[in-house]
Amino acid sequence: DKDEAERLEEERRETVSMDDLRAEIVRLEGELEEQPEHVNRILGLARLYQDTAQYDKALEFLKEKHELLPDNYEVR
């Protein structure tokens, strides 16, 4: 029925979105290996960790980057 089709389509979109988020996490993690002080990538990756409910990982990641960049107010 129509309601079931809409529900399945919404689930598919959410799955694709999570897959996209995970792929973006992998991409940014790789880029940060090459440029560990790139602030936009640091902030983007922290946001992605939050968006995928990896809150502890986001917090630890930002703490680590704050130690690397203590004078950068965006990473605090």
C-alpha atoms as a PDB file:
ATOM      1  CA  ASP A   1       0.000   0.000   0.000  1.00  0.00           C
ATOM      2  CA  LYS A   2       0.981   3.653  -0.337  1.00  0.00           C
ATOM      3  CA  ASP A   3       1.879   4.203   3.337  1.00  0.00           C
ATOM      4  CA  GLU A   4       4.133   1.159   3.344  1.00  0.00           C
ATOM      5  CA  ALA A   5       5.832   2.300   0.139  1.00  0.00           C
ATOM      6  CA  GLU A   6       6.476   5.750   1.629  1.00  0.00           C
ATOM      7  CA  ARG A   7       7.856   4.231   4.825  1.00  0.00           C
ATOM      8  CA  LEU A   8      10.193   1.954   2.867  1.00  0.00           C
ATOM      9  CA  GLU A   9      11.360   4.844   0.705  1.00  0.00           C
ATOM     10  CA  GLU A  10      12.106   6.919   3.805  1.00  0.00           C
ATOM     11  CA  GLU A  11      14.094   4.036   5.327  1.00  0.00           C
ATOM     12  CA  ARG A  12      16.048   3.684   2.082  1.00  0.00           C
ATOM     13  CA  ARG A  13      16.910   7.390   2.110  1.00  0.00           C
ATOM     14  CA  GLU A  14      18.063   7.206   5.723  1.00  0.00           C
ATOM     15  CA  THR A  15      20.238   4.189   4.931  1.00  0.00           C
ATOM     16  CA  VAL A  16      21.792   5.917   1.942  1.00  0.00           C
ATOM     17  CA  SER A  17      22.404   8.981   4.076  1.00  0.00           C
ATOM     18  CA  MET A  18      24.149   6.950   6.794  1.00  0.00           C
ATOM     19  CA  ASP A  19      26.229   5.190   4.154  1.00  0.00           C
ATOM     20  CA  ASP A  20      27.170   8.580   2.722  1.00  0.00           C
ATOM     21  CA  LEU A  21      28.103   9.871   6.171  1.00  0.00           C
ATOM     22  CA  ARG A  22      30.275   6.836   6.857  1.00  0.00           C
ATOM     23  CA  ALA A  23      32.011   7.242   3.486  1.00  0.00           C
ATOM     24  CA  GLU A  24      32.663  10.901   4.246  1.00  0.00           C
ATOM     25  CA  ILE A  25      34.114   9.949   7.646  1.00  0.00           C
ATOM     26  CA  VAL A  26      36.536   7.540   5.983  1.00  0.00           C
ATOM     27  CA  ARG A  27      37.504  10.184   3.412  1.00  0.00           C
ATOM     28  CA  LEU A  28      38.149  12.880   6.020  1.00  0.00           C
ATOM     29  CA  GLU A  29      40.079  10.523   8.286  1.00  0.00           C
ATOM     30  CA  GLY A  30      42.357   9.743   5.346  1.00  0.00           C
ATOM     31  CA  GLU A  31      42.813  13.391   4.452  1.00  0.00           C
ATOM     32  CA  LEU A  32      43.634  14.263   8.048  1.00  0.00           C
ATOM     33  CA  GLU A  33      46.410  11.684   8.031  1.00  0.00           C
ATOM     34  CA  GLU A  34      48.006  13.795   5.295  1.00  0.00           C
ATOM     35  CA  GLN A  35      47.117  17.191   6.808  1.00  0.00           C
ATOM     36  CA  PRO A  36      46.465  16.689  10.539  1.00  0.00           C
ATOM     37  CA  GLU A  37      46.138  20.427  11.243  1.00  0.00           C
ATOM     38  CA  HIS A  38      43.490  21.226   8.597  1.00  0.00           C
ATOM     39  CA  VAL A  39      40.865  22.955  10.753  1.00  0.00           C
ATOM     40  CA  ASN A  40      37.913  22.687   8.358  1.00  0.00           C
ATOM     41  CA  ARG A  41      38.448  18.954   8.024  1.00  0.00           C
ATOM     42  CA  ILE A  42      38.841  18.577  11.784  1.00  0.00           C
ATOM     43  CA  LEU A  43      35.558  20.367  12.421  1.00  0.00           C
ATOM     44  CA  GLY A  44      33.824  18.512   9.607  1.00  0.00           C
ATOM     45  CA  LEU A  45      34.915  15.144  10.936  1.00  0.00           C
ATOM     46  CA  ALA A  46      33.850  16.026  14.481  1.00  0.00           C
ATOM     47  CA  ARG A  47      30.415  17.007  13.138  1.00  0.00           C
ATOM     48  CA  LEU A  48      30.150  13.753  11.225  1.00  0.00           C
ATOM     49  CA  TYR A  49      30.984  11.785  14.351  1.00  0.00           C
ATOM     50  CA  GLN A  50      28.157  13.633  16.100  1.00  0.00           C
ATOM     51  CA  ASP A  51      25.773  13.127  13.174  1.00  0.00           C
ATOM     52  CA  THR A  52      26.394   9.393  13.378  1.00  0.00           C
ATOM     53  CA  ALA A  53      25.882   9.354  17.167  1.00  0.00           C
ATOM     54  CA  GLN A  54      29.581   8.743  17.909  1.00  0.00           C
ATOM     55  CA  TYR A  55      29.601  11.386  20.633  1.00  0.00           C
ATOM     56  CA  ASP A  56      32.453   9.966  22.698  1.00  0.00           C
ATOM     57  CA  LYS A  57      34.582   9.630  19.590  1.00  0.00           C
ATOM     58  CA  ALA A  58      33.829  13.243  18.613  1.00  0.00           C
ATOM     59  CA  LEU A  59      34.809  14.479  22.065  1.00  0.00           C
ATOM     60  CA  GLU A  60      38.049  12.487  22.198  1.00  0.00           C
ATOM     61  CA  PHE A  61      38.914  13.526  18.651  1.00  0.00           C
ATOM     62  CA  LEU A  62      38.458  17.219  19.462  1.00  0.00           C
ATOM     63  CA  LYS A  63      40.467  16.897  22.685  1.00  0.00           C
ATOM     64  CA  GLU A  64      43.303  15.318  20.703  1.00  0.00           C
ATOM     65  CA  LYS A  65      43.184  18.057  18.069  1.00  0.00           C
ATOM     66  CA  HIS A  66      43.035  20.761  20.745  1.00  0.00           C
ATOM     67  CA  GLU A  67      46.327  19.423  22.106  1.00  0.00           C
ATOM     68  CA  LEU A  68      47.753  19.626  18.580  1.00  0.00           C
ATOM     69  CA  LEU A  69      46.357  23.134  17.994  1.00  0.00           C
ATOM     70  CA  PRO A  70      46.014  24.753  21.445  1.00  0.00           C
ATOM     71  CA  ASP A  71      45.839  28.309  20.089  1.00  0.00           C
ATOM     72  CA  ASN A  72      43.099  27.626  17.567  1.00  0.00           C
ATOM     73  CA  TYR A  73      39.823  28.873  19.037  1.00  0.00           C
ATOM     74  CA  GLU A  74      37.696  26.895  16.550  1.00  0.00           C
ATOM     75  CA  VAL A  75      39.037  23.553  17.768  1.00  0.00           C
ATOM     76  CA  ARG A  76      38.402  24.312  21.445  1.00  0.00           C
END
